[in-house]
Amino acid sequence: MEQGVPCCYRFPTLTMRRAERESLFTLSPTREWTKPEENYLLFRCEKYTVEELADRLNRTPKDIRARLKLLDLEASCGVYTLNRASQTTGYDKAQLERARVGLAMRWRVNSSGFFAITEDQLKDLCDYLRDEGRVLAA
């Protein structure tokens, strides 16, 4: 046995609290977030992926995900939820759903259970709805 290190710290057990077990495997304590870093996340989270944000801020992807969750944000990098796509385009959610069916388009479902619509898909949906409007008006 190493001097000064209790056995339980060398072999994490289930009797330890989860936070204690996880803290054994962290290399250094997490740095506090600065205001400029938070602002960077606020204004860039829709443009870059978690990994790119981690590289740019010199943080781990785990830190970035935790901070985004705390700020109630999501790193999307050109991916829209149905709600956000509706707000961005001005089309109703039902119209976007109808266009998806009309185009036989498949949307991914993200980890939160929401649809993940890419920019290309959103452009196709808007083109379809715009053309549909022209046909109905004629």
N, C-alpha and C. Protein backbone atom coordinates (compact mmCIF):
# COMPACT_ATOMS: atom_id res chain seq x y z
N MET A 1 0.84 -1.18 0.00
CA MET A 1 0.00 0.00 0.00
C MET A 1 0.89 1.24 0.00
N GLU A 2 0.48 2.23 -0.83
CA GLU A 2 1.24 3.46 -0.92
C GLU A 2 1.09 4.25 0.37
N GLN A 3 2.13 4.99 0.72
CA GLN A 3 2.10 5.79 1.93
C GLN A 3 1.11 6.93 1.81
N GLY A 4 0.23 7.09 2.77
CA GLY A 4 -0.69 8.21 2.83
C GLY A 4 -1.88 8.15 1.91
N VAL A 5 -2.04 7.08 1.13
CA VAL A 5 -3.19 6.98 0.22
C VAL A 5 -4.06 5.83 0.71
N PRO A 6 -5.25 6.12 1.20
CA PRO A 6 -6.12 5.05 1.67
C PRO A 6 -6.47 4.09 0.54
N CYS A 7 -6.72 2.88 0.90
CA CYS A 7 -7.03 1.83 -0.07
C CYS A 7 -8.24 2.19 -0.92
N CYS A 8 -9.24 2.83 -0.32
CA CYS A 8 -10.46 3.12 -1.06
C CYS A 8 -10.22 4.11 -2.21
N TYR A 9 -9.16 4.90 -2.15
CA TYR A 9 -8.88 5.84 -3.24
C TYR A 9 -8.14 5.17 -4.39
N ARG A 10 -7.51 4.06 -4.11
CA ARG A 10 -6.87 3.34 -5.20
C ARG A 10 -7.84 2.42 -5.89
N PHE A 11 -8.88 1.99 -5.21
CA PHE A 11 -9.88 1.09 -5.76
C PHE A 11 -11.27 1.65 -5.44
N PRO A 12 -11.83 2.48 -6.30
CA PRO A 12 -13.14 3.07 -6.02
C PRO A 12 -14.20 1.99 -5.83
N THR A 13 -15.01 2.16 -4.86
CA THR A 13 -16.05 1.17 -4.58
C THR A 13 -17.42 1.80 -4.73
N LEU A 14 -18.44 0.96 -4.69
CA LEU A 14 -19.80 1.43 -4.80
C LEU A 14 -20.25 2.17 -3.55
N THR A 15 -19.54 1.97 -2.43
CA THR A 15 -19.94 2.66 -1.21
C THR A 15 -19.59 4.14 -1.24
N MET A 16 -18.70 4.51 -2.14
CA MET A 16 -18.35 5.92 -2.27
C MET A 16 -19.45 6.62 -3.06
N ARG A 17 -19.67 7.88 -2.76
CA ARG A 17 -20.63 8.64 -3.55
C ARG A 17 -20.11 8.80 -4.97
N ARG A 18 -21.03 8.92 -5.89
CA ARG A 18 -20.64 9.01 -7.29
C ARG A 18 -19.69 10.19 -7.53
N ALA A 19 -19.99 11.32 -6.94
CA ALA A 19 -19.13 12.49 -7.13
C ALA A 19 -17.71 12.22 -6.64
N GLU A 20 -17.59 11.49 -5.53
CA GLU A 20 -16.26 11.18 -5.01
C GLU A 20 -15.51 10.26 -5.98
N ARG A 21 -16.24 9.26 -6.53
CA ARG A 21 -15.59 8.34 -7.48
C ARG A 21 -15.13 9.08 -8.72
N GLU A 22 -16.00 9.97 -9.26
CA GLU A 22 -15.64 10.69 -10.48
C GLU A 22 -14.51 11.67 -10.23
N SER A 23 -14.46 12.25 -9.03
CA SER A 23 -13.40 13.22 -8.76
C SER A 23 -12.03 12.55 -8.70
N LEU A 24 -11.99 11.26 -8.45
CA LEU A 24 -10.71 10.55 -8.42
C LEU A 24 -10.05 10.51 -9.79
N PHE A 25 -10.88 10.58 -10.84
CA PHE A 25 -10.35 10.40 -12.18
C PHE A 25 -10.17 11.71 -12.93
N THR A 26 -10.47 12.82 -12.31
CA THR A 26 -10.23 14.11 -12.97
C THR A 26 -8.78 14.51 -12.73
N LEU A 27 -8.16 15.01 -13.76
CA LEU A 27 -6.75 15.36 -13.66
C LEU A 27 -6.52 16.67 -12.94
N SER A 28 -7.43 17.62 -13.16
CA SER A 28 -7.29 18.90 -12.49
C SER A 28 -8.67 19.45 -12.21
N PRO A 29 -8.79 20.29 -11.21
CA PRO A 29 -10.11 20.87 -10.95
C PRO A 29 -10.55 21.75 -12.12
N THR A 30 -11.85 21.80 -12.33
CA THR A 30 -12.40 22.57 -13.43
C THR A 30 -12.20 24.06 -13.17
N ARG A 31 -11.73 24.75 -14.18
CA ARG A 31 -11.57 26.20 -14.07
C ARG A 31 -12.93 26.86 -14.01
N GLU A 32 -12.98 27.99 -13.34
CA GLU A 32 -14.22 28.77 -13.31
C GLU A 32 -14.43 29.38 -14.70
N TRP A 33 -15.68 29.53 -15.07
CA TRP A 33 -16.01 30.13 -16.35
C TRP A 33 -15.96 31.65 -16.23
N THR A 34 -15.34 32.27 -17.21
CA THR A 34 -15.28 33.74 -17.24
C THR A 34 -16.43 34.27 -18.08
N LYS A 35 -16.74 35.53 -17.91
CA LYS A 35 -17.82 36.16 -18.67
C LYS A 35 -17.54 36.14 -20.17
N PRO A 36 -16.30 36.44 -20.62
CA PRO A 36 -16.04 36.37 -22.06
C PRO A 36 -16.24 34.96 -22.64
N GLU A 37 -15.89 33.92 -21.85
CA GLU A 37 -16.10 32.55 -22.33
C GLU A 37 -17.59 32.25 -22.47
N GLU A 38 -18.39 32.68 -21.50
CA GLU A 38 -19.84 32.46 -21.58
C GLU A 38 -20.43 33.22 -22.76
N ASN A 39 -19.98 34.44 -22.98
CA ASN A 39 -20.47 35.20 -24.13
C ASN A 39 -20.09 34.53 -25.44
N TYR A 40 -18.88 33.98 -25.49
CA TYR A 40 -18.46 33.26 -26.69
C TYR A 40 -19.40 32.08 -26.95
N LEU A 41 -19.74 31.35 -25.90
CA LEU A 41 -20.68 30.23 -26.05
C LEU A 41 -22.05 30.72 -26.52
N LEU A 42 -22.53 31.81 -25.92
CA LEU A 42 -23.85 32.33 -26.27
C LEU A 42 -23.95 32.68 -27.75
N PHE A 43 -22.92 33.31 -28.28
CA PHE A 43 -22.99 33.80 -29.64
C PHE A 43 -22.43 32.83 -30.68
N ARG A 44 -21.74 31.79 -30.26
CA ARG A 44 -21.13 30.88 -31.22
C ARG A 44 -21.67 29.45 -31.16
N CYS A 45 -22.56 29.16 -30.20
CA CYS A 45 -22.98 27.77 -30.02
C CYS A 45 -23.77 27.24 -31.22
N GLU A 46 -24.39 28.12 -32.00
CA GLU A 46 -25.14 27.66 -33.15
C GLU A 46 -24.26 27.52 -34.39
N LYS A 47 -23.06 28.01 -34.30
CA LYS A 47 -22.16 28.01 -35.46
C LYS A 47 -21.16 26.86 -35.43
N TYR A 48 -20.76 26.43 -34.23
CA TYR A 48 -19.71 25.42 -34.11
C TYR A 48 -20.20 24.19 -33.35
N THR A 49 -19.50 23.08 -33.56
CA THR A 49 -19.80 21.87 -32.81
C THR A 49 -19.18 21.96 -31.42
N VAL A 50 -19.54 21.02 -30.56
CA VAL A 50 -19.00 21.00 -29.20
C VAL A 50 -17.48 20.85 -29.23
N GLU A 51 -16.99 19.99 -30.11
CA GLU A 51 -15.55 19.75 -30.19
C GLU A 51 -14.81 21.01 -30.64
N GLU A 52 -15.38 21.73 -31.62
CA GLU A 52 -14.75 22.96 -32.08
C GLU A 52 -14.75 24.03 -30.99
N LEU A 53 -15.86 24.12 -30.26
CA LEU A 53 -15.92 25.08 -29.15
C LEU A 53 -14.90 24.73 -28.07
N ALA A 54 -14.75 23.42 -27.80
CA ALA A 54 -13.78 22.98 -26.79
C ALA A 54 -12.36 23.37 -27.21
N ASP A 55 -12.03 23.20 -28.48
CA ASP A 55 -10.70 23.58 -28.97
C ASP A 55 -10.48 25.08 -28.87
N ARG A 56 -11.48 25.84 -29.23
CA ARG A 56 -11.35 27.29 -29.25
C ARG A 56 -11.26 27.89 -27.83
N LEU A 57 -11.95 27.26 -26.88
CA LEU A 57 -11.95 27.78 -25.51
C LEU A 57 -10.97 27.07 -24.59
N ASN A 58 -10.24 26.11 -25.12
CA ASN A 58 -9.29 25.34 -24.33
C ASN A 58 -9.99 24.66 -23.15
N ARG A 59 -11.10 24.02 -23.44
CA ARG A 59 -11.89 23.27 -22.46
C ARG A 59 -12.13 21.88 -23.01
N THR A 60 -12.61 20.99 -22.15
CA THR A 60 -12.97 19.65 -22.61
C THR A 60 -14.38 19.70 -23.17
N PRO A 61 -14.71 18.79 -24.09
CA PRO A 61 -16.08 18.73 -24.60
C PRO A 61 -17.11 18.51 -23.48
N LYS A 62 -16.71 17.77 -22.45
CA LYS A 62 -17.60 17.53 -21.32
C LYS A 62 -17.92 18.85 -20.60
N ASP A 63 -16.90 19.71 -20.43
CA ASP A 63 -17.12 21.03 -19.82
C ASP A 63 -18.06 21.88 -20.66
N ILE A 64 -17.86 21.83 -21.97
CA ILE A 64 -18.69 22.63 -22.88
C ILE A 64 -20.14 22.18 -22.80
N ARG A 65 -20.35 20.85 -22.87
CA ARG A 65 -21.73 20.32 -22.80
C ARG A 65 -22.41 20.70 -21.48
N ALA A 66 -21.67 20.61 -20.39
CA ALA A 66 -22.23 20.94 -19.08
C ALA A 66 -22.61 22.42 -19.01
N ARG A 67 -21.75 23.29 -19.55
CA ARG A 67 -22.04 24.71 -19.49
C ARG A 67 -23.21 25.07 -20.41
N LEU A 68 -23.26 24.44 -21.58
CA LEU A 68 -24.37 24.69 -22.50
C LEU A 68 -25.69 24.27 -21.86
N LYS A 69 -25.66 23.14 -21.16
CA LYS A 69 -26.88 22.67 -20.50
C LYS A 69 -27.29 23.64 -19.39
N LEU A 70 -26.31 24.13 -18.64
CA LEU A 70 -26.59 25.08 -17.57
C LEU A 70 -27.18 26.39 -18.12
N LEU A 71 -26.68 26.81 -19.29
CA LEU A 71 -27.17 28.03 -19.92
C LEU A 71 -28.42 27.78 -20.76
N ASP A 72 -28.89 26.55 -20.78
CA ASP A 72 -30.07 26.14 -21.56
C ASP A 72 -29.87 26.43 -23.05
N LEU A 73 -28.68 26.05 -23.54
CA LEU A 73 -28.33 26.20 -24.94
C LEU A 73 -28.00 24.84 -25.53
N GLU A 74 -27.84 24.82 -26.86
CA GLU A 74 -27.46 23.59 -27.52
C GLU A 74 -26.52 23.94 -28.66
N ALA A 75 -25.41 23.24 -28.76
CA ALA A 75 -24.50 23.46 -29.87
C ALA A 75 -25.09 22.76 -31.08
N SER A 76 -25.48 23.54 -32.05
CA SER A 76 -26.22 22.94 -33.15
C SER A 76 -25.46 22.88 -34.46
N CYS A 77 -24.63 23.87 -34.72
CA CYS A 77 -23.83 23.88 -35.93
C CYS A 77 -24.67 23.60 -37.17
N GLY A 78 -25.67 24.45 -37.41
CA GLY A 78 -26.49 24.30 -38.61
C GLY A 78 -27.60 23.31 -38.47
N VAL A 79 -27.96 22.93 -37.26
CA VAL A 79 -29.05 21.99 -37.04
C VAL A 79 -30.15 22.72 -36.29
N TYR A 80 -31.37 22.56 -36.76
CA TYR A 80 -32.52 23.25 -36.18
C TYR A 80 -33.49 22.24 -35.58
N THR A 81 -34.11 22.59 -34.48
CA THR A 81 -35.25 21.82 -33.99
C THR A 81 -36.46 22.30 -34.77
N LEU A 82 -37.55 21.57 -34.70
CA LEU A 82 -38.75 21.95 -35.43
C LEU A 82 -39.25 23.31 -34.95
N ASN A 83 -39.18 23.53 -33.65
CA ASN A 83 -39.62 24.80 -33.08
C ASN A 83 -38.76 25.96 -33.59
N ARG A 84 -37.44 25.77 -33.57
CA ARG A 84 -36.53 26.81 -34.01
C ARG A 84 -36.65 27.05 -35.52
N ALA A 85 -36.87 25.97 -36.28
CA ALA A 85 -37.05 26.10 -37.72
C ALA A 85 -38.31 26.91 -38.01
N SER A 86 -39.35 26.68 -37.23
CA SER A 86 -40.61 27.42 -37.40
C SER A 86 -40.39 28.90 -37.09
N GLN A 87 -39.68 29.20 -36.03
CA GLN A 87 -39.41 30.59 -35.67
C GLN A 87 -38.52 31.27 -36.70
N THR A 88 -37.55 30.54 -37.23
CA THR A 88 -36.61 31.11 -38.18
C THR A 88 -37.26 31.42 -39.52
N THR A 89 -38.07 30.48 -40.01
CA THR A 89 -38.65 30.63 -41.34
C THR A 89 -39.96 31.38 -41.36
N GLY A 90 -40.69 31.35 -40.26
CA GLY A 90 -42.00 31.99 -40.23
C GLY A 90 -43.11 31.04 -40.64
N TYR A 91 -42.76 29.83 -41.06
CA TYR A 91 -43.77 28.83 -41.38
C TYR A 91 -44.23 28.15 -40.10
N ASP A 92 -45.47 27.71 -40.10
CA ASP A 92 -46.02 26.98 -38.96
C ASP A 92 -45.41 25.58 -38.90
N LYS A 93 -45.39 24.99 -37.72
CA LYS A 93 -44.84 23.64 -37.57
C LYS A 93 -45.61 22.64 -38.43
N ALA A 94 -46.92 22.80 -38.50
CA ALA A 94 -47.74 21.88 -39.31
C ALA A 94 -47.37 21.99 -40.80
N GLN A 95 -47.06 23.20 -41.26
CA GLN A 95 -46.64 23.38 -42.65
C GLN A 95 -45.31 22.68 -42.91
N LEU A 96 -44.39 22.81 -41.97
CA LEU A 96 -43.09 22.15 -42.13
C LEU A 96 -43.25 20.64 -42.12
N GLU A 97 -44.13 20.12 -41.26
CA GLU A 97 -44.40 18.67 -41.22
C GLU A 97 -45.00 18.22 -42.55
N ARG A 98 -45.93 19.01 -43.09
CA ARG A 98 -46.58 18.65 -44.36
C ARG A 98 -45.54 18.64 -45.49
N ALA A 99 -44.65 19.61 -45.48
CA ALA A 99 -43.60 19.66 -46.51
C ALA A 99 -42.67 18.46 -46.37
N ARG A 100 -42.37 18.06 -45.13
CA ARG A 100 -41.51 16.87 -44.91
C ARG A 100 -42.14 15.64 -45.53
N VAL A 101 -43.44 15.49 -45.30
CA VAL A 101 -44.15 14.33 -45.87
C VAL A 101 -44.17 14.43 -47.39
N GLY A 102 -44.42 15.63 -47.92
CA GLY A 102 -44.46 15.83 -49.37
C GLY A 102 -43.13 15.55 -50.05
N LEU A 103 -42.04 15.82 -49.35
CA LEU A 103 -40.71 15.58 -49.90
C LEU A 103 -40.17 14.20 -49.54
N ALA A 104 -40.93 13.43 -48.76
CA ALA A 104 -40.48 12.13 -48.26
C ALA A 104 -39.13 12.26 -47.56
N MET A 105 -39.01 13.29 -46.73
CA MET A 105 -37.76 13.61 -46.06
C MET A 105 -37.72 12.94 -44.69
N ARG A 106 -36.55 12.49 -44.31
CA ARG A 106 -36.36 11.88 -42.99
C ARG A 106 -35.55 12.83 -42.13
N TRP A 107 -36.06 13.10 -40.92
CA TRP A 107 -35.35 13.94 -39.97
C TRP A 107 -34.75 13.07 -38.88
N ARG A 108 -33.53 13.39 -38.49
CA ARG A 108 -32.93 12.70 -37.35
C ARG A 108 -33.60 13.16 -36.07
N VAL A 109 -33.51 12.33 -35.05
CA VAL A 109 -33.99 12.72 -33.73
C VAL A 109 -32.77 12.88 -32.85
N ASN A 110 -32.62 14.06 -32.22
CA ASN A 110 -31.43 14.29 -31.40
C ASN A 110 -31.57 13.63 -30.03
N SER A 111 -30.58 13.78 -29.20
CA SER A 111 -30.55 13.09 -27.91
C SER A 111 -31.66 13.54 -26.97
N SER A 112 -32.22 14.73 -27.19
CA SER A 112 -33.30 15.22 -26.34
C SER A 112 -34.67 14.76 -26.82
N GLY A 113 -34.71 14.07 -27.95
CA GLY A 113 -35.98 13.58 -28.49
C GLY A 113 -36.62 14.54 -29.47
N PHE A 114 -35.92 15.62 -29.84
CA PHE A 114 -36.45 16.58 -30.79
C PHE A 114 -35.93 16.28 -32.19
N PHE A 115 -36.68 16.72 -33.19
CA PHE A 115 -36.20 16.56 -34.56
C PHE A 115 -34.98 17.43 -34.77
N ALA A 116 -34.03 16.93 -35.55
CA ALA A 116 -32.83 17.67 -35.91
C ALA A 116 -32.87 17.88 -37.41
N ILE A 117 -33.12 19.12 -37.82
CA ILE A 117 -33.27 19.47 -39.22
C ILE A 117 -32.03 20.22 -39.66
N THR A 118 -31.36 19.74 -40.71
CA THR A 118 -30.15 20.40 -41.18
C THR A 118 -30.51 21.63 -42.00
N GLU A 119 -29.52 22.46 -42.26
CA GLU A 119 -29.75 23.68 -43.05
C GLU A 119 -30.20 23.34 -44.47
N ASP A 120 -29.60 22.30 -45.05
CA ASP A 120 -29.99 21.89 -46.41
C ASP A 120 -31.45 21.43 -46.43
N GLN A 121 -31.84 20.65 -45.43
CA GLN A 121 -33.22 20.20 -45.36
C GLN A 121 -34.17 21.38 -45.17
N LEU A 122 -33.78 22.33 -44.34
CA LEU A 122 -34.62 23.50 -44.10
C LEU A 122 -34.79 24.31 -45.38
N LYS A 123 -33.72 24.43 -46.15
CA LYS A 123 -33.80 25.14 -47.43
C LYS A 123 -34.76 24.43 -48.37
N ASP A 124 -34.66 23.10 -48.45
CA ASP A 124 -35.56 22.31 -49.30
C ASP A 124 -37.01 22.46 -48.86
N LEU A 125 -37.25 22.46 -47.54
CA LEU A 125 -38.60 22.63 -47.02
C LEU A 125 -39.17 23.99 -47.41
N CYS A 126 -38.37 25.03 -47.27
CA CYS A 126 -38.83 26.39 -47.61
C CYS A 126 -39.09 26.50 -49.12
N ASP A 127 -38.22 25.92 -49.93
CA ASP A 127 -38.44 25.93 -51.39
C ASP A 127 -39.75 25.22 -51.74
N TYR A 128 -39.98 24.08 -51.12
CA TYR A 128 -41.20 23.31 -51.37
C TYR A 128 -42.44 24.13 -50.98
N LEU A 129 -42.41 24.73 -49.81
CA LEU A 129 -43.57 25.51 -49.36
C LEU A 129 -43.77 26.77 -50.21
N ARG A 130 -42.67 27.38 -50.65
CA ARG A 130 -42.79 28.55 -51.51
C ARG A 130 -43.41 28.16 -52.85
N ASP A 131 -42.93 27.05 -53.44
CA ASP A 131 -43.49 26.58 -54.72
C ASP A 131 -44.95 26.15 -54.54
N GLU A 132 -45.26 25.53 -53.42
CA GLU A 132 -46.64 25.11 -53.15
C GLU A 132 -47.55 26.33 -53.09
N GLY A 133 -47.06 27.41 -52.49
CA GLY A 133 -47.83 28.65 -52.41
C GLY A 133 -48.10 29.24 -53.78
N ARG A 134 -47.11 29.15 -54.68
CA ARG A 134 -47.28 29.66 -56.04
C ARG A 134 -48.33 28.85 -56.80
N VAL A 135 -48.32 27.54 -56.62
CA VAL A 135 -49.28 26.67 -57.31
C VAL A 135 -50.70 26.97 -56.80
N LEU A 136 -50.85 27.14 -55.49
CA LEU A 136 -52.17 27.41 -54.93
C LEU A 136 -52.68 28.78 -55.35
N ALA A 137 -51.78 29.75 -55.53
CA ALA A 137 -52.19 31.11 -55.89
C ALA A 137 -52.57 31.20 -57.37
N ALA A 138 -52.05 30.32 -58.19
CA ALA A 138 -52.31 30.37 -59.63
C ALA A 138 -53.66 29.81 -60.00
